[in-house]
């Protein structure tokens, strides 16, 4: 169900976010079709941090944040985690992007060919995990620019249970059992 985070009384145990990071090189000619701005409106780190005033109104006292980042944005994601009132715990998932044949994809990069994204876990308070067998590495084919694997949402539900109250921020589509907020929903 779509939710307006600017005006809701709902509270969530799980917040799952894929911020539209603006890259320093994003508007330049070197990014080509991989520039996020060619696919959606991006936000500066400061703009993403400012959403913290709304995030703080929708989170439960005990809440888990799963937030996507790329390696160039690692310093920025920690600013967002703090601004949203969470404490970093670990890298929950590493998505290794693959080709159709299952082999790792060779993406872009200044020093090495990037083919992975990180989904970090941050907490406010404590939520007990109900399953400690969930694996960190997700090897799945890329489906479109910035489209994340559905498997990650399934694994989050496995860790904390399907009955938790969950919202996806910056969502592209609705997912069963999850509320959502985003420009593309």
N, C-alpha and C. Protein backbone atom coordinates (compact mmCIF):
# COMPACT_ATOMS: atom_id res chain seq x y z
N UNK A 1 0.84 -1.17 0.00
CA UNK A 1 0.00 0.00 0.00
C UNK A 1 0.89 1.25 0.00
N UNK A 2 0.50 2.22 -0.81
CA UNK A 2 1.25 3.48 -0.86
C UNK A 2 0.99 4.28 0.41
N UNK A 3 2.05 4.87 0.92
CA UNK A 3 1.97 5.68 2.14
C UNK A 3 2.67 7.00 1.89
N UNK A 4 2.10 8.08 2.41
CA UNK A 4 2.74 9.39 2.35
C UNK A 4 3.51 9.59 3.65
N UNK A 5 4.83 9.44 3.61
CA UNK A 5 5.61 9.53 4.86
C UNK A 5 5.57 10.92 5.48
N UNK A 6 5.14 11.91 4.70
CA UNK A 6 5.07 13.27 5.23
C UNK A 6 3.82 13.47 6.09
N UNK A 7 2.86 12.54 5.97
CA UNK A 7 1.60 12.71 6.68
C UNK A 7 0.97 11.34 6.97
N UNK A 8 1.51 10.63 7.94
CA UNK A 8 0.96 9.33 8.32
C UNK A 8 1.18 9.09 9.81
N UNK A 9 0.29 8.30 10.38
CA UNK A 9 0.44 7.89 11.78
C UNK A 9 1.05 6.50 11.89
N UNK A 10 1.32 5.87 10.75
CA UNK A 10 1.85 4.51 10.75
C UNK A 10 3.27 4.48 11.28
N UNK A 11 3.60 3.37 11.95
CA UNK A 11 4.95 3.14 12.48
C UNK A 11 5.44 1.80 11.96
N UNK A 12 6.75 1.71 11.71
CA UNK A 12 7.31 0.52 11.08
C UNK A 12 8.45 -0.08 11.90
N UNK A 13 8.51 -1.43 11.84
CA UNK A 13 9.60 -2.18 12.44
C UNK A 13 10.80 -2.24 11.50
N UNK A 14 10.50 -2.26 10.19
CA UNK A 14 11.53 -2.39 9.16
C UNK A 14 11.38 -1.26 8.16
N UNK A 15 12.48 -0.55 7.91
CA UNK A 15 12.53 0.46 6.85
C UNK A 15 13.59 -0.01 5.86
N UNK A 16 13.18 -0.13 4.61
CA UNK A 16 14.05 -0.62 3.53
C UNK A 16 14.17 0.52 2.52
N UNK A 17 15.39 1.01 2.30
CA UNK A 17 15.55 2.22 1.49
C UNK A 17 16.64 2.06 0.43
N UNK A 18 16.35 2.59 -0.74
CA UNK A 18 17.32 2.65 -1.83
C UNK A 18 17.39 4.10 -2.30
N UNK A 19 18.10 4.95 -1.56
CA UNK A 19 18.13 6.38 -1.89
C UNK A 19 18.66 6.64 -3.30
N UNK A 20 18.13 7.66 -3.95
CA UNK A 20 18.60 8.03 -5.30
C UNK A 20 19.86 8.90 -5.21
N UNK A 21 20.97 8.27 -4.86
CA UNK A 21 22.23 8.97 -4.65
C UNK A 21 22.64 9.77 -5.88
N UNK A 22 23.10 11.00 -5.66
CA UNK A 22 23.70 11.81 -6.72
C UNK A 22 25.21 11.56 -6.68
N UNK A 23 25.77 11.22 -7.82
CA UNK A 23 27.21 10.97 -7.90
C UNK A 23 27.90 12.20 -8.45
N UNK A 24 29.13 12.44 -7.99
CA UNK A 24 29.89 13.59 -8.47
C UNK A 24 30.09 13.51 -9.97
N UNK A 25 30.28 12.31 -10.50
CA UNK A 25 30.52 12.14 -11.93
C UNK A 25 29.22 11.96 -12.70
N UNK A 26 28.10 11.89 -12.00
CA UNK A 26 26.82 11.53 -12.61
C UNK A 26 26.38 12.40 -13.77
N UNK A 27 26.64 13.70 -13.71
CA UNK A 27 26.17 14.59 -14.76
C UNK A 27 27.19 14.75 -15.88
N UNK A 28 28.35 14.17 -15.69
CA UNK A 28 29.39 14.30 -16.70
C UNK A 28 29.22 13.33 -17.84
N UNK A 29 30.03 13.48 -18.86
CA UNK A 29 29.93 12.64 -20.05
C UNK A 29 30.47 11.24 -19.80
N UNK A 30 31.32 11.05 -18.80
CA UNK A 30 31.94 9.75 -18.57
C UNK A 30 30.98 8.69 -18.05
N UNK A 31 29.89 9.09 -17.42
CA UNK A 31 28.96 8.12 -16.86
C UNK A 31 28.09 7.44 -17.91
N UNK A 32 27.93 8.06 -19.07
CA UNK A 32 27.12 7.47 -20.14
C UNK A 32 25.74 7.10 -19.65
N UNK A 33 25.24 5.97 -20.12
CA UNK A 33 23.91 5.50 -19.76
C UNK A 33 23.81 5.07 -18.30
N UNK A 34 24.95 4.96 -17.63
CA UNK A 34 24.94 4.54 -16.23
C UNK A 34 24.68 5.71 -15.28
N UNK A 35 24.62 6.94 -15.78
CA UNK A 35 24.33 8.09 -14.93
C UNK A 35 22.93 7.95 -14.35
N UNK A 36 22.79 8.00 -13.03
CA UNK A 36 21.46 7.89 -12.43
C UNK A 36 20.49 8.94 -12.96
N UNK A 37 20.98 10.16 -13.23
CA UNK A 37 20.12 11.24 -13.68
C UNK A 37 19.42 10.93 -15.00
N UNK A 38 19.94 9.98 -15.75
CA UNK A 38 19.29 9.59 -17.01
C UNK A 38 18.10 8.67 -16.76
N UNK A 39 17.95 8.21 -15.52
CA UNK A 39 16.90 7.24 -15.22
C UNK A 39 15.89 7.73 -14.19
N UNK A 40 16.30 8.62 -13.30
CA UNK A 40 15.41 9.13 -12.26
C UNK A 40 16.04 10.37 -11.63
N UNK A 41 15.22 11.10 -10.87
CA UNK A 41 15.70 12.29 -10.18
C UNK A 41 16.54 11.86 -8.97
N UNK A 42 17.74 12.39 -8.88
CA UNK A 42 18.62 12.05 -7.76
C UNK A 42 18.50 13.10 -6.65
N UNK A 43 19.08 12.76 -5.50
CA UNK A 43 19.08 13.67 -4.35
C UNK A 43 20.49 13.76 -3.80
N UNK A 44 20.84 14.92 -3.30
CA UNK A 44 22.14 15.08 -2.64
C UNK A 44 22.08 14.37 -1.29
N UNK A 45 23.24 14.12 -0.73
CA UNK A 45 23.30 13.50 0.61
C UNK A 45 22.54 14.36 1.61
N UNK A 46 22.69 15.67 1.51
CA UNK A 46 22.01 16.58 2.44
C UNK A 46 20.50 16.44 2.32
N UNK A 47 19.98 16.33 1.09
CA UNK A 47 18.53 16.17 0.89
C UNK A 47 18.04 14.85 1.48
N UNK A 48 18.82 13.79 1.29
CA UNK A 48 18.45 12.49 1.84
C UNK A 48 18.48 12.56 3.37
N UNK A 49 19.49 13.20 3.93
CA UNK A 49 19.58 13.35 5.39
C UNK A 49 18.39 14.11 5.94
N UNK A 50 17.93 15.13 5.21
CA UNK A 50 16.80 15.94 5.67
C UNK A 50 15.51 15.13 5.81
N UNK A 51 15.41 14.01 5.10
CA UNK A 51 14.24 13.14 5.26
C UNK A 51 14.18 12.54 6.66
N UNK A 52 15.27 12.63 7.40
CA UNK A 52 15.32 12.09 8.76
C UNK A 52 14.20 12.59 9.65
N UNK A 53 13.78 13.84 9.47
CA UNK A 53 12.71 14.37 10.32
C UNK A 53 11.40 13.62 10.09
N UNK A 54 11.21 13.06 8.89
CA UNK A 54 10.01 12.26 8.61
C UNK A 54 10.23 10.79 8.98
N UNK A 55 11.44 10.30 8.74
CA UNK A 55 11.76 8.91 9.08
C UNK A 55 11.57 8.71 10.58
N UNK A 56 11.97 9.68 11.37
CA UNK A 56 11.85 9.57 12.83
C UNK A 56 10.40 9.47 13.28
N UNK A 57 9.45 9.95 12.46
CA UNK A 57 8.03 9.88 12.83
C UNK A 57 7.38 8.57 12.41
N UNK A 58 8.03 7.81 11.52
CA UNK A 58 7.40 6.56 11.04
C UNK A 58 8.06 5.30 11.60
N UNK A 59 9.13 5.45 12.34
CA UNK A 59 9.82 4.26 12.86
C UNK A 59 9.30 3.93 14.25
N UNK A 60 9.27 2.64 14.53
CA UNK A 60 8.95 2.17 15.88
C UNK A 60 10.13 2.45 16.79
N UNK A 61 9.92 2.31 18.09
CA UNK A 61 11.01 2.50 19.06
C UNK A 61 12.15 1.55 18.74
N UNK A 62 11.82 0.32 18.38
CA UNK A 62 12.79 -0.68 17.94
C UNK A 62 12.58 -0.88 16.45
N UNK A 63 13.58 -0.52 15.66
CA UNK A 63 13.40 -0.50 14.21
C UNK A 63 14.72 -0.86 13.51
N UNK A 64 14.60 -1.61 12.43
CA UNK A 64 15.77 -1.96 11.61
C UNK A 64 15.70 -1.18 10.30
N UNK A 65 16.83 -0.63 9.91
CA UNK A 65 16.96 0.07 8.63
C UNK A 65 17.87 -0.74 7.73
N UNK A 66 17.38 -1.08 6.56
CA UNK A 66 18.19 -1.69 5.51
C UNK A 66 18.33 -0.64 4.43
N UNK A 67 19.56 -0.22 4.15
CA UNK A 67 19.78 0.88 3.21
C UNK A 67 20.84 0.50 2.18
N UNK A 68 20.51 0.71 0.90
CA UNK A 68 21.40 0.38 -0.20
C UNK A 68 22.41 1.49 -0.44
N UNK A 69 23.61 1.08 -0.82
CA UNK A 69 24.64 2.03 -1.22
C UNK A 69 25.59 1.36 -2.19
N UNK A 70 26.32 2.18 -2.89
CA UNK A 70 27.40 1.68 -3.73
C UNK A 70 28.71 2.07 -3.06
N UNK A 71 29.79 1.50 -3.53
CA UNK A 71 31.08 1.77 -2.88
C UNK A 71 31.45 3.25 -2.88
N UNK A 72 31.25 4.00 -3.98
CA UNK A 72 31.61 5.42 -3.94
C UNK A 72 30.79 6.23 -2.93
N UNK A 73 29.61 5.73 -2.54
CA UNK A 73 28.75 6.46 -1.61
C UNK A 73 28.89 5.99 -0.16
N UNK A 74 29.82 5.11 0.12
CA UNK A 74 29.97 4.61 1.50
C UNK A 74 30.11 5.72 2.54
N UNK A 75 30.96 6.72 2.32
CA UNK A 75 31.05 7.78 3.34
C UNK A 75 29.72 8.51 3.55
N UNK A 76 28.94 8.62 2.48
CA UNK A 76 27.67 9.35 2.54
C UNK A 76 26.59 8.57 3.29
N UNK A 77 26.55 7.26 3.10
CA UNK A 77 25.49 6.46 3.71
C UNK A 77 25.57 6.51 5.24
N UNK A 78 26.76 6.63 5.79
CA UNK A 78 26.89 6.70 7.25
C UNK A 78 26.32 8.03 7.78
N UNK A 79 26.42 9.09 6.99
CA UNK A 79 25.80 10.36 7.37
C UNK A 79 24.28 10.22 7.40
N UNK A 80 23.73 9.52 6.42
CA UNK A 80 22.28 9.32 6.35
C UNK A 80 21.80 8.46 7.52
N UNK A 81 22.50 7.38 7.78
CA UNK A 81 22.13 6.50 8.90
C UNK A 81 22.04 7.30 10.20
N UNK A 82 23.03 8.14 10.44
CA UNK A 82 23.04 8.96 11.66
C UNK A 82 21.91 9.99 11.65
N UNK A 83 21.72 10.66 10.51
CA UNK A 83 20.67 11.69 10.41
C UNK A 83 19.28 11.10 10.59
N UNK A 84 19.10 9.85 10.22
CA UNK A 84 17.81 9.19 10.37
C UNK A 84 17.64 8.58 11.75
N UNK A 85 18.67 8.69 12.61
CA UNK A 85 18.56 8.25 14.00
C UNK A 85 18.84 6.77 14.23
N UNK A 86 19.67 6.18 13.39
CA UNK A 86 20.02 4.76 13.52
C UNK A 86 21.50 4.61 13.82
N UNK A 87 21.88 3.41 14.23
CA UNK A 87 23.30 3.07 14.45
C UNK A 87 23.65 1.91 13.52
N UNK A 88 24.75 2.10 12.79
CA UNK A 88 25.22 1.07 11.86
C UNK A 88 25.57 -0.21 12.61
N UNK A 89 25.16 -1.36 12.06
CA UNK A 89 25.48 -2.66 12.66
C UNK A 89 26.38 -3.50 11.76
N UNK A 90 25.99 -3.67 10.49
CA UNK A 90 26.74 -4.56 9.61
C UNK A 90 26.30 -4.38 8.17
N UNK A 91 26.99 -5.05 7.28
CA UNK A 91 26.52 -5.16 5.90
C UNK A 91 25.60 -6.38 5.87
N UNK A 92 24.32 -6.15 5.68
CA UNK A 92 23.35 -7.26 5.68
C UNK A 92 23.47 -8.10 4.41
N UNK A 93 23.59 -7.40 3.27
CA UNK A 93 23.61 -8.10 1.99
C UNK A 93 24.61 -7.47 1.04
N UNK A 94 25.28 -8.33 0.30
CA UNK A 94 26.14 -7.90 -0.80
C UNK A 94 25.56 -8.51 -2.06
N UNK A 95 25.07 -7.66 -2.93
CA UNK A 95 24.49 -8.13 -4.19
C UNK A 95 25.59 -8.15 -5.24
N UNK A 96 25.96 -9.34 -5.69
CA UNK A 96 26.91 -9.50 -6.78
C UNK A 96 26.08 -9.62 -8.05
N UNK A 97 26.19 -8.63 -8.91
CA UNK A 97 25.41 -8.61 -10.15
C UNK A 97 25.99 -9.62 -11.14
N UNK A 98 25.10 -10.38 -11.75
CA UNK A 98 25.55 -11.41 -12.68
C UNK A 98 24.97 -11.21 -14.07
N UNK A 99 25.60 -11.87 -15.02
CA UNK A 99 25.08 -11.93 -16.39
C UNK A 99 24.06 -13.06 -16.46
N UNK A 100 23.44 -13.23 -17.62
CA UNK A 100 22.43 -14.29 -17.79
C UNK A 100 22.99 -15.67 -17.48
N UNK A 101 24.28 -15.87 -17.77
CA UNK A 101 24.89 -17.18 -17.54
C UNK A 101 25.32 -17.40 -16.09
N UNK A 102 25.03 -16.42 -15.22
CA UNK A 102 25.37 -16.56 -13.81
C UNK A 102 26.75 -16.07 -13.43
N UNK A 103 27.54 -15.70 -14.41
CA UNK A 103 28.89 -15.20 -14.14
C UNK A 103 28.81 -13.74 -13.68
N UNK A 104 29.72 -13.31 -12.81
CA UNK A 104 29.71 -11.92 -12.36
C UNK A 104 29.83 -10.94 -13.52
N UNK A 105 29.06 -9.88 -13.43
CA UNK A 105 29.05 -8.81 -14.42
C UNK A 105 30.27 -7.92 -14.20
N UNK A 106 30.84 -7.39 -15.26
CA UNK A 106 31.94 -6.42 -15.14
C UNK A 106 31.34 -5.04 -15.40
N UNK A 107 31.14 -4.27 -14.34
CA UNK A 107 30.53 -2.95 -14.47
C UNK A 107 31.57 -1.88 -14.68
N UNK A 108 31.17 -0.66 -14.35
CA UNK A 108 32.08 0.48 -14.48
C UNK A 108 32.87 0.64 -13.19
N UNK A 109 33.88 1.49 -13.24
CA UNK A 109 34.65 1.77 -12.04
C UNK A 109 35.91 2.52 -12.38
N UNK A 110 36.38 3.33 -11.46
CA UNK A 110 37.60 4.11 -11.68
C UNK A 110 38.85 3.28 -11.46
N UNK A 111 38.79 2.29 -10.57
CA UNK A 111 39.97 1.51 -10.24
C UNK A 111 39.77 0.02 -10.52
N UNK A 112 38.58 -0.48 -10.19
CA UNK A 112 38.23 -1.87 -10.49
C UNK A 112 36.84 -1.88 -11.12
N UNK A 113 36.51 -2.93 -11.79
CA UNK A 113 35.19 -3.06 -12.42
C UNK A 113 34.16 -3.42 -11.35
N UNK A 114 33.34 -2.46 -11.00
CA UNK A 114 32.35 -2.64 -9.94
C UNK A 114 31.24 -3.58 -10.39
N UNK A 115 30.93 -4.55 -9.57
CA UNK A 115 29.82 -5.44 -9.89
C UNK A 115 29.01 -5.81 -8.65
N UNK A 116 29.13 -5.01 -7.59
CA UNK A 116 28.40 -5.32 -6.36
C UNK A 116 27.83 -4.04 -5.75
N UNK A 117 26.73 -4.22 -5.02
CA UNK A 117 26.16 -3.15 -4.21
C UNK A 117 25.94 -3.70 -2.81
N UNK A 118 25.95 -2.81 -1.84
CA UNK A 118 25.80 -3.20 -0.44
C UNK A 118 24.45 -2.73 0.11
N UNK A 119 23.85 -3.58 0.92
CA UNK A 119 22.65 -3.21 1.67
C UNK A 119 23.05 -3.30 3.14
N UNK A 120 23.22 -2.14 3.76
CA UNK A 120 23.68 -2.07 5.15
C UNK A 120 22.51 -2.20 6.12
N UNK A 121 22.80 -2.71 7.30
CA UNK A 121 21.81 -2.82 8.36
C UNK A 121 22.18 -1.87 9.48
N UNK A 122 21.22 -1.03 9.86
CA UNK A 122 21.39 -0.13 11.00
C UNK A 122 20.18 -0.34 11.91
N UNK A 123 20.36 -0.09 13.19
CA UNK A 123 19.28 -0.34 14.15
C UNK A 123 19.01 0.88 15.02
N UNK A 124 17.78 0.93 15.47
CA UNK A 124 17.37 1.82 16.55
C UNK A 124 16.73 0.88 17.56
N UNK A 125 17.30 0.81 18.73
CA UNK A 125 16.82 -0.17 19.70
C UNK A 125 17.24 -1.56 19.28
N UNK A 126 16.35 -2.53 19.47
CA UNK A 126 16.69 -3.92 19.14
C UNK A 126 15.45 -4.67 18.68
N UNK A 127 15.60 -5.39 17.59
CA UNK A 127 14.57 -6.31 17.12
C UNK A 127 15.21 -7.69 17.10
N UNK A 128 14.54 -8.65 17.69
CA UNK A 128 15.08 -10.01 17.72
C UNK A 128 14.92 -10.66 16.35
N UNK A 129 16.00 -11.24 15.87
CA UNK A 129 15.92 -11.98 14.61
C UNK A 129 15.31 -13.35 14.89
N UNK A 130 14.47 -13.81 13.96
CA UNK A 130 13.81 -15.11 14.14
C UNK A 130 14.51 -16.20 13.34
N UNK A 131 15.44 -15.83 12.47
CA UNK A 131 16.17 -16.81 11.66
C UNK A 131 17.59 -16.31 11.45
N UNK A 132 18.55 -17.09 11.92
CA UNK A 132 19.95 -16.69 11.80
C UNK A 132 20.68 -17.49 10.72
N UNK A 133 19.92 -18.08 9.79
CA UNK A 133 20.54 -18.86 8.72
C UNK A 133 20.62 -18.09 7.40
N UNK A 134 20.18 -16.84 7.40
CA UNK A 134 20.14 -16.05 6.17
C UNK A 134 21.55 -15.69 5.72
N UNK A 135 21.82 -15.90 4.46
CA UNK A 135 23.15 -15.63 3.91
C UNK A 135 23.26 -14.20 3.40
N UNK A 136 24.48 -13.68 3.45
CA UNK A 136 24.75 -12.29 3.08
C UNK A 136 24.83 -12.07 1.57
N UNK A 137 25.47 -12.98 0.86
CA UNK A 137 25.72 -12.76 -0.57
C UNK A 137 24.49 -13.15 -1.39
N UNK A 138 24.08 -12.24 -2.26
CA UNK A 138 22.99 -12.47 -3.20
C UNK A 138 23.61 -12.36 -4.60
N UNK A 139 23.58 -13.45 -5.34
CA UNK A 139 24.09 -13.43 -6.71
C UNK A 139 22.88 -13.49 -7.64
N UNK A 140 22.61 -12.36 -8.28
CA UNK A 140 21.42 -12.28 -9.11
C UNK A 140 21.66 -11.32 -10.27
N UNK A 141 20.98 -11.61 -11.36
CA UNK A 141 21.11 -10.81 -12.57
C UNK A 141 20.52 -9.41 -12.37
N UNK A 142 21.17 -8.44 -12.96
CA UNK A 142 20.65 -7.07 -12.94
C UNK A 142 19.45 -7.01 -13.89
N UNK A 143 18.35 -6.40 -13.43
CA UNK A 143 17.12 -6.35 -14.24
C UNK A 143 16.86 -4.99 -14.86
N UNK A 144 17.50 -3.99 -14.40
CA UNK A 144 17.29 -2.63 -14.89
C UNK A 144 18.06 -1.69 -14.01
N UNK A 145 18.20 -0.44 -14.46
CA UNK A 145 19.00 0.50 -13.68
C UNK A 145 18.42 0.65 -12.28
N UNK A 146 19.23 0.32 -11.28
CA UNK A 146 18.92 0.48 -9.86
C UNK A 146 17.80 -0.43 -9.34
N UNK A 147 17.33 -1.38 -10.14
CA UNK A 147 16.31 -2.32 -9.67
C UNK A 147 17.01 -3.38 -8.82
N UNK A 148 16.60 -3.48 -7.57
CA UNK A 148 17.24 -4.40 -6.63
C UNK A 148 16.57 -5.78 -6.68
N UNK A 149 17.31 -6.82 -6.29
CA UNK A 149 16.75 -8.18 -6.31
C UNK A 149 15.61 -8.34 -5.30
N UNK A 150 14.50 -8.95 -5.74
CA UNK A 150 13.39 -9.24 -4.84
C UNK A 150 13.82 -10.16 -3.70
N UNK A 151 14.84 -10.95 -3.95
CA UNK A 151 15.34 -11.90 -2.95
C UNK A 151 15.73 -11.20 -1.65
N UNK A 152 16.19 -9.95 -1.73
CA UNK A 152 16.61 -9.24 -0.52
C UNK A 152 15.41 -8.99 0.40
N UNK A 153 14.28 -8.61 -0.17
CA UNK A 153 13.08 -8.41 0.66
C UNK A 153 12.65 -9.72 1.31
N UNK A 154 12.74 -10.81 0.57
CA UNK A 154 12.39 -12.12 1.14
C UNK A 154 13.32 -12.47 2.30
N UNK A 155 14.59 -12.17 2.14
CA UNK A 155 15.56 -12.47 3.21
C UNK A 155 15.32 -11.60 4.44
N UNK A 156 14.96 -10.35 4.23
CA UNK A 156 14.64 -9.47 5.36
C UNK A 156 13.46 -10.05 6.14
N UNK A 157 12.43 -10.50 5.42
CA UNK A 157 11.27 -11.11 6.07
C UNK A 157 11.67 -12.38 6.82
N UNK A 158 12.62 -13.12 6.26
CA UNK A 158 13.08 -14.34 6.92
C UNK A 158 13.82 -14.01 8.22
N UNK A 159 14.62 -12.96 8.21
CA UNK A 159 15.38 -12.57 9.40
C UNK A 159 14.45 -12.13 10.53
N UNK A 160 13.50 -11.25 10.22
CA UNK A 160 12.69 -10.63 11.28
C UNK A 160 11.24 -11.09 11.30
N UNK A 161 10.83 -11.92 10.35
CA UNK A 161 9.47 -12.43 10.32
C UNK A 161 8.58 -11.66 9.37
N UNK A 162 7.65 -12.37 8.76
CA UNK A 162 6.75 -11.75 7.79
C UNK A 162 5.72 -10.84 8.45
N UNK A 163 5.47 -11.04 9.74
CA UNK A 163 4.43 -10.27 10.42
C UNK A 163 4.91 -8.90 10.91
N UNK A 164 6.15 -8.54 10.63
CA UNK A 164 6.64 -7.21 11.01
C UNK A 164 6.02 -6.15 10.11
N UNK A 165 5.96 -4.93 10.61
CA UNK A 165 5.44 -3.81 9.82
C UNK A 165 6.61 -3.24 9.02
N UNK A 166 6.46 -3.26 7.68
CA UNK A 166 7.58 -2.94 6.79
C UNK A 166 7.18 -1.87 5.78
N UNK A 167 8.15 -1.01 5.46
CA UNK A 167 7.95 -0.02 4.40
C UNK A 167 9.21 0.05 3.54
N UNK A 168 8.99 0.18 2.24
CA UNK A 168 10.09 0.41 1.30
C UNK A 168 10.05 1.87 0.89
N UNK A 169 11.17 2.57 1.09
CA UNK A 169 11.29 3.97 0.68
C UNK A 169 11.98 4.04 -0.67
N UNK A 170 11.59 5.00 -1.48
CA UNK A 170 12.09 5.16 -2.84
C UNK A 170 11.70 3.94 -3.68
N UNK A 171 10.53 3.39 -3.41
CA UNK A 171 10.06 2.18 -4.08
C UNK A 171 9.74 2.45 -5.55
N UNK A 172 9.84 1.40 -6.35
CA UNK A 172 9.51 1.46 -7.77
C UNK A 172 8.18 0.78 -8.06
N UNK A 173 7.76 -0.08 -7.14
CA UNK A 173 6.53 -0.84 -7.32
C UNK A 173 6.03 -1.29 -5.94
N UNK A 174 4.79 -1.74 -5.90
CA UNK A 174 4.24 -2.26 -4.65
C UNK A 174 4.67 -3.71 -4.48
N UNK A 175 4.89 -4.12 -3.24
CA UNK A 175 5.25 -5.50 -2.91
C UNK A 175 4.31 -6.00 -1.82
N UNK A 176 3.85 -7.22 -1.96
CA UNK A 176 2.92 -7.80 -1.01
C UNK A 176 3.51 -7.82 0.40
N UNK A 177 2.73 -7.32 1.36
CA UNK A 177 3.17 -7.32 2.75
C UNK A 177 4.01 -6.11 3.14
N UNK A 178 4.25 -5.21 2.18
CA UNK A 178 5.07 -4.03 2.42
C UNK A 178 4.28 -2.78 2.05
N UNK A 179 4.38 -1.74 2.88
CA UNK A 179 3.93 -0.43 2.46
C UNK A 179 5.05 0.16 1.61
N UNK A 180 4.72 1.19 0.84
CA UNK A 180 5.75 1.76 -0.03
C UNK A 180 5.56 3.26 -0.20
N UNK A 181 6.66 3.92 -0.50
CA UNK A 181 6.69 5.35 -0.76
C UNK A 181 7.76 5.60 -1.81
N UNK A 182 7.42 6.39 -2.83
CA UNK A 182 8.40 6.72 -3.85
C UNK A 182 7.76 7.35 -5.07
N UNK A 183 8.58 8.04 -5.85
CA UNK A 183 8.11 8.73 -7.05
C UNK A 183 7.62 7.79 -8.13
N UNK A 184 8.13 6.57 -8.17
CA UNK A 184 7.82 5.66 -9.27
C UNK A 184 6.69 4.68 -8.96
N UNK A 185 6.12 4.76 -7.75
CA UNK A 185 5.04 3.83 -7.39
C UNK A 185 3.73 4.37 -7.88
